[in-house]
């Protein structure tokens, strides 16, 4: 039976990590759940400690320093034991049943990435308009610089076979929000087969992403492009 490892990067997620864990253990009750507390200053870790006493398949990492989204995922990847490894955002924005069903595609592909945009127009995606505009601009830039032909590189739900992790390793330029793009770029240059699937999602307030992060994302993107 295929074992799945699911990594959750969490920065100050005390207000919603519990509801996210409820969703995860409802849909994936027997899989390995790894939460990486990314320099949290709230009660995130205390909640994880309590849940750990009831769920032996929950593992967590407590980092005293802020690692960045990508940095937190990398630490989770080092710990993951699953035949299939993936990561989800801590906001529980995606329909987990759709994600669970999409994993059957891994019989034909090496990786599955979720998309809020595939088959949808700007009015059908549940996000604030500023984020929509940034998303489409970023997507165009990715296609121009890295030739990654996806509708949505940033959606926080990506899964891939363990051999992908073993081949790519943990040496990433981006430890922040451009990590997703670098991951897809590494998968492409290693000739892994990736399928993008639409997964229903909802916008959840409290995202740790801010427009101020755009500068560092752009700098990381240029570094990734330059290293090709």
C-alpha atoms as a PDB file:
ATOM      1  CA  UNK A   1       0.000   0.000   0.000  1.00  0.00           C
ATOM      2  CA  UNK A   2       1.321   3.435  -0.958  1.00  0.00           C
ATOM      3  CA  UNK A   3       2.330   5.568   1.993  1.00  0.00           C
ATOM      4  CA  UNK A   4       1.862   9.341   1.757  1.00  0.00           C
ATOM      5  CA  UNK A   5       3.769  12.054   3.601  1.00  0.00           C
ATOM      6  CA  UNK A   6       2.076  15.466   3.786  1.00  0.00           C
ATOM      7  CA  UNK A   7       4.116  18.493   4.828  1.00  0.00           C
ATOM      8  CA  UNK A   8       2.502  21.635   6.245  1.00  0.00           C
ATOM      9  CA  UNK A   9       4.663  24.773   6.605  1.00  0.00           C
ATOM     10  CA  UNK A  10       3.213  26.786   9.493  1.00  0.00           C
ATOM     11  CA  UNK A  11       4.068  30.299  10.614  1.00  0.00           C
ATOM     12  CA  UNK A  12       1.940  31.643  13.489  1.00  0.00           C
ATOM     13  CA  UNK A  13      -0.968  29.364  12.564  1.00  0.00           C
ATOM     14  CA  UNK A  14      -2.369  28.957  16.090  1.00  0.00           C
ATOM     15  CA  UNK A  15      -5.785  30.279  15.082  1.00  0.00           C
ATOM     16  CA  UNK A  16      -6.370  27.771  12.296  1.00  0.00           C
ATOM     17  CA  UNK A  17      -3.890  24.886  12.490  1.00  0.00           C
ATOM     18  CA  UNK A  18      -6.352  22.831  14.538  1.00  0.00           C
ATOM     19  CA  UNK A  19      -9.114  23.029  11.927  1.00  0.00           C
ATOM     20  CA  UNK A  20      -6.534  22.173   9.260  1.00  0.00           C
ATOM     21  CA  UNK A  21      -5.419  19.114  11.233  1.00  0.00           C
ATOM     22  CA  UNK A  22      -9.035  18.008  11.638  1.00  0.00           C
ATOM     23  CA  UNK A  23      -9.489  18.148   7.861  1.00  0.00           C
ATOM     24  CA  UNK A  24      -6.221  16.314   7.245  1.00  0.00           C
ATOM     25  CA  UNK A  25      -6.850  13.468   9.681  1.00  0.00           C
ATOM     26  CA  UNK A  26     -10.418  13.111   8.410  1.00  0.00           C
ATOM     27  CA  UNK A  27      -9.260  12.671   4.806  1.00  0.00           C
ATOM     28  CA  UNK A  28      -5.842  11.077   5.389  1.00  0.00           C
ATOM     29  CA  UNK A  29      -6.265   9.321   8.773  1.00  0.00           C
ATOM     30  CA  UNK A  30      -3.361   6.893   8.387  1.00  0.00           C
ATOM     31  CA  UNK A  31      -0.827   8.968   6.480  1.00  0.00           C
ATOM     32  CA  UNK A  32       2.274  10.732   7.781  1.00  0.00           C
ATOM     33  CA  UNK A  33       1.518  14.383   8.582  1.00  0.00           C
ATOM     34  CA  UNK A  34       4.564  16.618   9.124  1.00  0.00           C
ATOM     35  CA  UNK A  35       4.021  20.174  10.364  1.00  0.00           C
ATOM     36  CA  UNK A  36       7.036  22.480  10.283  1.00  0.00           C
ATOM     37  CA  UNK A  37       6.648  25.397  12.677  1.00  0.00           C
ATOM     38  CA  UNK A  38       8.478  28.091  10.812  1.00  0.00           C
ATOM     39  CA  UNK A  39       9.704  30.387  13.589  1.00  0.00           C
ATOM     40  CA  UNK A  40       6.211  30.692  15.062  1.00  0.00           C
ATOM     41  CA  UNK A  41       5.790  33.123  17.973  1.00  0.00           C
ATOM     42  CA  UNK A  42       2.265  32.081  18.935  1.00  0.00           C
ATOM     43  CA  UNK A  43       0.803  28.829  20.313  1.00  0.00           C
ATOM     44  CA  UNK A  44       1.229  26.769  17.137  1.00  0.00           C
ATOM     45  CA  UNK A  45       3.752  24.393  18.718  1.00  0.00           C
ATOM     46  CA  UNK A  46       1.659  23.915  21.885  1.00  0.00           C
ATOM     47  CA  UNK A  47      -1.272  22.818  19.731  1.00  0.00           C
ATOM     48  CA  UNK A  48       0.958  20.399  17.826  1.00  0.00           C
ATOM     49  CA  UNK A  49       2.266  18.903  21.071  1.00  0.00           C
ATOM     50  CA  UNK A  50      -1.295  18.217  22.214  1.00  0.00           C
ATOM     51  CA  UNK A  51      -2.278  16.631  18.915  1.00  0.00           C
ATOM     52  CA  UNK A  52       0.878  14.505  18.894  1.00  0.00           C
ATOM     53  CA  UNK A  53      -0.293  12.717  22.061  1.00  0.00           C
ATOM     54  CA  UNK A  54      -3.388  11.527  20.181  1.00  0.00           C
ATOM     55  CA  UNK A  55      -1.968  10.916  16.705  1.00  0.00           C
ATOM     56  CA  UNK A  56       1.203   8.871  16.391  1.00  0.00           C
ATOM     57  CA  UNK A  57       1.394   9.611  12.647  1.00  0.00           C
ATOM     58  CA  UNK A  58       1.748  13.353  13.344  1.00  0.00           C
ATOM     59  CA  UNK A  59       5.310  14.623  13.352  1.00  0.00           C
ATOM     60  CA  UNK A  60       6.417  18.200  13.797  1.00  0.00           C
ATOM     61  CA  UNK A  61       9.545  20.303  13.613  1.00  0.00           C
ATOM     62  CA  UNK A  62       9.966  23.340  15.824  1.00  0.00           C
ATOM     63  CA  UNK A  63      12.349  25.833  14.251  1.00  0.00           C
ATOM     64  CA  UNK A  64      13.202  28.824  16.471  1.00  0.00           C
ATOM     65  CA  UNK A  65      14.133  30.812  13.372  1.00  0.00           C
ATOM     66  CA  UNK A  66      11.927  31.774  10.449  1.00  0.00           C
ATOM     67  CA  UNK A  67      12.853  29.491   7.573  1.00  0.00           C
ATOM     68  CA  UNK A  68      10.567  30.847   4.864  1.00  0.00           C
ATOM     69  CA  UNK A  69       7.898  28.764   3.137  1.00  0.00           C
ATOM     70  CA  UNK A  70      10.414  26.947   0.964  1.00  0.00           C
ATOM     71  CA  UNK A  71      12.858  26.461   3.817  1.00  0.00           C
ATOM     72  CA  UNK A  72      10.146  24.905   5.986  1.00  0.00           C
ATOM     73  CA  UNK A  73       9.088  22.534   3.195  1.00  0.00           C
ATOM     74  CA  UNK A  74      12.703  21.481   2.630  1.00  0.00           C
ATOM     75  CA  UNK A  75      13.058  20.555   6.313  1.00  0.00           C
ATOM     76  CA  UNK A  76       9.845  18.554   6.062  1.00  0.00           C
ATOM     77  CA  UNK A  77      11.098  16.762   2.950  1.00  0.00           C
ATOM     78  CA  UNK A  78      14.197  15.645   4.839  1.00  0.00           C
ATOM     79  CA  UNK A  79      11.959  13.987   7.414  1.00  0.00           C
ATOM     80  CA  UNK A  80       9.372  12.470   5.041  1.00  0.00           C
ATOM     81  CA  UNK A  81       9.242   8.678   4.643  1.00  0.00           C
ATOM     82  CA  UNK A  82       6.354   8.306   2.218  1.00  0.00           C
ATOM     83  CA  UNK A  83       6.328   6.666  -1.208  1.00  0.00           C
ATOM     84  CA  UNK A  84       4.469   9.835  -2.213  1.00  0.00           C
ATOM     85  CA  UNK A  85       5.503  13.172  -0.729  1.00  0.00           C
ATOM     86  CA  UNK A  86       3.678  16.462  -0.923  1.00  0.00           C
ATOM     87  CA  UNK A  87       2.916  19.730   0.772  1.00  0.00           C
ATOM     88  CA  UNK A  88      -0.183  21.757   1.531  1.00  0.00           C
ATOM     89  CA  UNK A  89      -0.628  25.294   2.805  1.00  0.00           C
ATOM     90  CA  UNK A  90      -1.769  25.590   6.419  1.00  0.00           C
ATOM     91  CA  UNK A  91      -4.988  27.442   5.542  1.00  0.00           C
ATOM     92  CA  UNK A  92      -6.997  24.365   4.480  1.00  0.00           C
ATOM     93  CA  UNK A  93      -8.025  26.164   1.299  1.00  0.00           C
ATOM     94  CA  UNK A  94      -8.239  23.154  -1.022  1.00  0.00           C
ATOM     95  CA  UNK A  95     -10.827  20.398  -1.163  1.00  0.00           C
ATOM     96  CA  UNK A  96      -8.836  17.485   0.272  1.00  0.00           C
ATOM     97  CA  UNK A  97     -11.094  14.824  -1.227  1.00  0.00           C
ATOM     98  CA  UNK A  98     -10.309  16.168  -4.692  1.00  0.00           C
ATOM     99  CA  UNK A  99      -6.609  16.104  -3.834  1.00  0.00           C
ATOM    100  CA  UNK A 100      -6.878  12.526  -2.549  1.00  0.00           C
ATOM    101  CA  UNK A 101      -8.553  11.424  -5.777  1.00  0.00           C
ATOM    102  CA  UNK A 102      -5.996  13.278  -7.901  1.00  0.00           C
ATOM    103  CA  UNK A 103      -3.182  11.187  -6.384  1.00  0.00           C
ATOM    104  CA  UNK A 104      -4.322   8.227  -8.491  1.00  0.00           C
ATOM    105  CA  UNK A 105      -2.804  10.143 -11.423  1.00  0.00           C
ATOM    106  CA  UNK A 106       0.619   9.302  -9.977  1.00  0.00           C
ATOM    107  CA  UNK A 107       0.279   5.872 -11.585  1.00  0.00           C
ATOM    108  CA  UNK A 108       0.998   7.671 -14.880  1.00  0.00           C
ATOM    109  CA  UNK A 109       2.832  10.822 -13.767  1.00  0.00           C
ATOM    110  CA  UNK A 110       5.715  11.665 -11.447  1.00  0.00           C
ATOM    111  CA  UNK A 111       4.071  14.710  -9.933  1.00  0.00           C
ATOM    112  CA  UNK A 112       0.647  16.291  -9.480  1.00  0.00           C
ATOM    113  CA  UNK A 113       0.209  20.025  -8.925  1.00  0.00           C
ATOM    114  CA  UNK A 114      -3.050  21.682  -7.980  1.00  0.00           C
ATOM    115  CA  UNK A 115      -4.394  24.694  -9.809  1.00  0.00           C
ATOM    116  CA  UNK A 116      -6.958  27.334  -8.971  1.00  0.00           C
ATOM    117  CA  UNK A 117      -6.738  28.737 -12.497  1.00  0.00           C
ATOM    118  CA  UNK A 118      -6.880  25.795 -14.895  1.00  0.00           C
ATOM    119  CA  UNK A 119     -10.075  26.131 -16.921  1.00  0.00           C
ATOM    120  CA  UNK A 120     -11.102  29.262 -15.009  1.00  0.00           C
ATOM    121  CA  UNK A 121     -11.173  32.963 -15.796  1.00  0.00           C
ATOM    122  CA  UNK A 122     -10.284  35.862 -13.522  1.00  0.00           C
ATOM    123  CA  UNK A 123     -13.892  36.192 -12.282  1.00  0.00           C
ATOM    124  CA  UNK A 124     -14.153  32.531 -11.254  1.00  0.00           C
ATOM    125  CA  UNK A 125     -11.138  32.352  -8.932  1.00  0.00           C
ATOM    126  CA  UNK A 126     -11.881  33.101  -5.278  1.00  0.00           C
ATOM    127  CA  UNK A 127      -9.125  35.599  -4.432  1.00  0.00           C
ATOM    128  CA  UNK A 128      -8.846  39.364  -3.903  1.00  0.00           C
ATOM    129  CA  UNK A 129      -8.380  41.251  -7.161  1.00  0.00           C
ATOM    130  CA  UNK A 130      -4.862  42.454  -6.299  1.00  0.00           C
ATOM    131  CA  UNK A 131      -3.709  38.875  -5.763  1.00  0.00           C
ATOM    132  CA  UNK A 132      -5.341  37.836  -9.024  1.00  0.00           C
ATOM    133  CA  UNK A 133      -3.475  40.525 -10.941  1.00  0.00           C
ATOM    134  CA  UNK A 134      -0.171  39.614  -9.307  1.00  0.00           C
ATOM    135  CA  UNK A 135      -0.823  35.915  -9.968  1.00  0.00           C
ATOM    136  CA  UNK A 136      -1.381  36.421 -13.699  1.00  0.00           C
ATOM    137  CA  UNK A 137       1.644  38.722 -14.038  1.00  0.00           C
ATOM    138  CA  UNK A 138       3.863  36.268 -12.149  1.00  0.00           C
ATOM    139  CA  UNK A 139       2.556  33.386 -14.251  1.00  0.00           C
ATOM    140  CA  UNK A 140       3.453  35.204 -17.468  1.00  0.00           C
ATOM    141  CA  UNK A 141       6.933  35.964 -16.152  1.00  0.00           C
ATOM    142  CA  UNK A 142       7.481  32.293 -15.268  1.00  0.00           C
ATOM    143  CA  UNK A 143       6.506  31.222 -18.769  1.00  0.00           C
ATOM    144  CA  UNK A 144       8.882  33.744 -20.354  1.00  0.00           C
ATOM    145  CA  UNK A 145      11.927  33.089 -18.155  1.00  0.00           C
ATOM    146  CA  UNK A 146      11.631  29.383 -17.296  1.00  0.00           C
ATOM    147  CA  UNK A 147       9.280  28.085 -19.984  1.00  0.00           C
ATOM    148  CA  UNK A 148       7.012  26.532 -17.368  1.00  0.00           C
ATOM    149  CA  UNK A 149       3.691  26.170 -19.130  1.00  0.00           C
ATOM    150  CA  UNK A 150       1.301  25.926 -16.171  1.00  0.00           C
ATOM    151  CA  UNK A 151      -1.789  27.918 -15.278  1.00  0.00           C
ATOM    152  CA  UNK A 152      -0.831  28.099 -11.609  1.00  0.00           C
ATOM    153  CA  UNK A 153       2.666  27.588 -10.170  1.00  0.00           C
ATOM    154  CA  UNK A 154       1.906  28.965  -6.697  1.00  0.00           C
ATOM    155  CA  UNK A 155      -1.061  26.892  -5.541  1.00  0.00           C
ATOM    156  CA  UNK A 156      -0.081  25.356  -2.214  1.00  0.00           C
ATOM    157  CA  UNK A 157      -0.799  21.708  -2.989  1.00  0.00           C
ATOM    158  CA  UNK A 158       1.847  19.668  -4.800  1.00  0.00           C
ATOM    159  CA  UNK A 159       2.588  15.921  -4.605  1.00  0.00           C
ATOM    160  CA  UNK A 160       5.248  13.771  -6.228  1.00  0.00           C
ATOM    161  CA  UNK A 161       6.833  10.359  -6.038  1.00  0.00           C
ATOM    162  CA  UNK A 162       9.629   9.797  -3.534  1.00  0.00           C
ATOM    163  CA  UNK A 163      12.134   9.232  -6.347  1.00  0.00           C
ATOM    164  CA  UNK A 164      11.559  12.836  -7.434  1.00  0.00           C
ATOM    165  CA  UNK A 165      12.665  14.035  -4.004  1.00  0.00           C
ATOM    166  CA  UNK A 166      15.679  11.731  -4.067  1.00  0.00           C
ATOM    167  CA  UNK A 167      16.756  12.980  -7.500  1.00  0.00           C
ATOM    168  CA  UNK A 168      16.230  16.693  -6.867  1.00  0.00           C
ATOM    169  CA  UNK A 169      17.655  16.777  -3.346  1.00  0.00           C
ATOM    170  CA  UNK A 170      17.447  19.696  -0.922  1.00  0.00           C
ATOM    171  CA  UNK A 171      19.710  22.309  -2.508  1.00  0.00           C
ATOM    172  CA  UNK A 172      17.337  25.137  -3.444  1.00  0.00           C
ATOM    173  CA  UNK A 173      18.093  28.767  -4.240  1.00  0.00           C
ATOM    174  CA  UNK A 174      14.742  29.973  -2.953  1.00  0.00           C
ATOM    175  CA  UNK A 175      13.720  29.425   0.653  1.00  0.00           C
ATOM    176  CA  UNK A 176      10.698  31.684   0.219  1.00  0.00           C
ATOM    177  CA  UNK A 177       7.573  31.820  -1.934  1.00  0.00           C
ATOM    178  CA  UNK A 178       9.473  31.216  -5.203  1.00  0.00           C
ATOM    179  CA  UNK A 179      10.284  27.707  -3.959  1.00  0.00           C
ATOM    180  CA  UNK A 180       7.311  26.286  -5.908  1.00  0.00           C
ATOM    181  CA  UNK A 181       8.688  27.632  -9.171  1.00  0.00           C
ATOM    182  CA  UNK A 182      12.172  26.271  -8.508  1.00  0.00           C
ATOM    183  CA  UNK A 183      10.716  22.875  -7.636  1.00  0.00           C
ATOM    184  CA  UNK A 184       8.801  22.743 -10.933  1.00  0.00           C
ATOM    185  CA  UNK A 185      11.897  23.932 -12.815  1.00  0.00           C
ATOM    186  CA  UNK A 186      14.021  21.169 -11.236  1.00  0.00           C
ATOM    187  CA  UNK A 187      11.375  18.588 -12.078  1.00  0.00           C
ATOM    188  CA  UNK A 188      11.282  19.763 -15.676  1.00  0.00           C
ATOM    189  CA  UNK A 189      15.038  19.705 -16.279  1.00  0.00           C
ATOM    190  CA  UNK A 190      15.124  16.190 -14.791  1.00  0.00           C
ATOM    191  CA  UNK A 191      12.429  15.096 -17.257  1.00  0.00           C
ATOM    192  CA  UNK A 192       9.823  14.229 -14.655  1.00  0.00           C
ATOM    193  CA  UNK A 193       6.242  14.093 -15.884  1.00  0.00           C
ATOM    194  CA  UNK A 194       3.929  16.567 -14.163  1.00  0.00           C
ATOM    195  CA  UNK A 195       0.167  16.885 -14.430  1.00  0.00           C
ATOM    196  CA  UNK A 196      -1.675  20.048 -13.428  1.00  0.00           C
ATOM    197  CA  UNK A 197      -5.207  19.440 -12.134  1.00  0.00           C
ATOM    198  CA  UNK A 198      -7.924  21.863 -11.132  1.00  0.00           C
ATOM    199  CA  UNK A 199      -8.787  21.541  -7.430  1.00  0.00           C
ATOM    200  CA  UNK A 200     -11.687  23.541  -5.934  1.00  0.00           C
ATOM    201  CA  UNK A 201     -10.428  26.048  -3.367  1.00  0.00           C
ATOM    202  CA  UNK A 202     -11.581  28.941  -1.239  1.00  0.00           C
ATOM    203  CA  UNK A 203      -9.823  32.129  -0.190  1.00  0.00           C
ATOM    204  CA  UNK A 204      -8.995  32.029   3.520  1.00  0.00           C
ATOM    205  CA  UNK A 205      -8.108  35.215   5.362  1.00  0.00           C
ATOM    206  CA  UNK A 206      -4.883  35.253   7.325  1.00  0.00           C
ATOM    207  CA  UNK A 207      -2.446  34.313   4.572  1.00  0.00           C
ATOM    208  CA  UNK A 208       1.213  34.844   5.493  1.00  0.00           C
ATOM    209  CA  UNK A 209       1.889  36.035   1.939  1.00  0.00           C
ATOM    210  CA  UNK A 210       2.172  39.793   1.562  1.00  0.00           C
ATOM    211  CA  UNK A 211       2.798  41.901  -1.523  1.00  0.00           C
ATOM    212  CA  UNK A 212       6.065  43.013   0.097  1.00  0.00           C
ATOM    213  CA  UNK A 213       7.319  39.477  -0.600  1.00  0.00           C
ATOM    214  CA  UNK A 214       7.126  40.146  -4.345  1.00  0.00           C
ATOM    215  CA  UNK A 215      10.568  41.763  -4.407  1.00  0.00           C
ATOM    216  CA  UNK A 216      12.297  38.713  -2.929  1.00  0.00           C
ATOM    217  CA  UNK A 217      10.291  36.408  -5.179  1.00  0.00           C
ATOM    218  CA  UNK A 218      11.485  38.328  -8.234  1.00  0.00           C
ATOM    219  CA  UNK A 219      15.109  38.295  -7.030  1.00  0.00           C
ATOM    220  CA  UNK A 220      14.934  34.536  -6.436  1.00  0.00           C
ATOM    221  CA  UNK A 221      13.346  34.025  -9.855  1.00  0.00           C
ATOM    222  CA  UNK A 222      16.215  35.871 -11.561  1.00  0.00           C
ATOM    223  CA  UNK A 223      18.721  33.727  -9.643  1.00  0.00           C
ATOM    224  CA  UNK A 224      16.895  30.557 -10.717  1.00  0.00           C
ATOM    225  CA  UNK A 225      16.799  31.760 -14.334  1.00  0.00           C
ATOM    226  CA  UNK A 226      20.497  32.699 -14.232  1.00  0.00           C
ATOM    227  CA  UNK A 227      21.455  29.288 -12.867  1.00  0.00           C
ATOM    228  CA  UNK A 228      19.824  27.392 -15.760  1.00  0.00           C
END
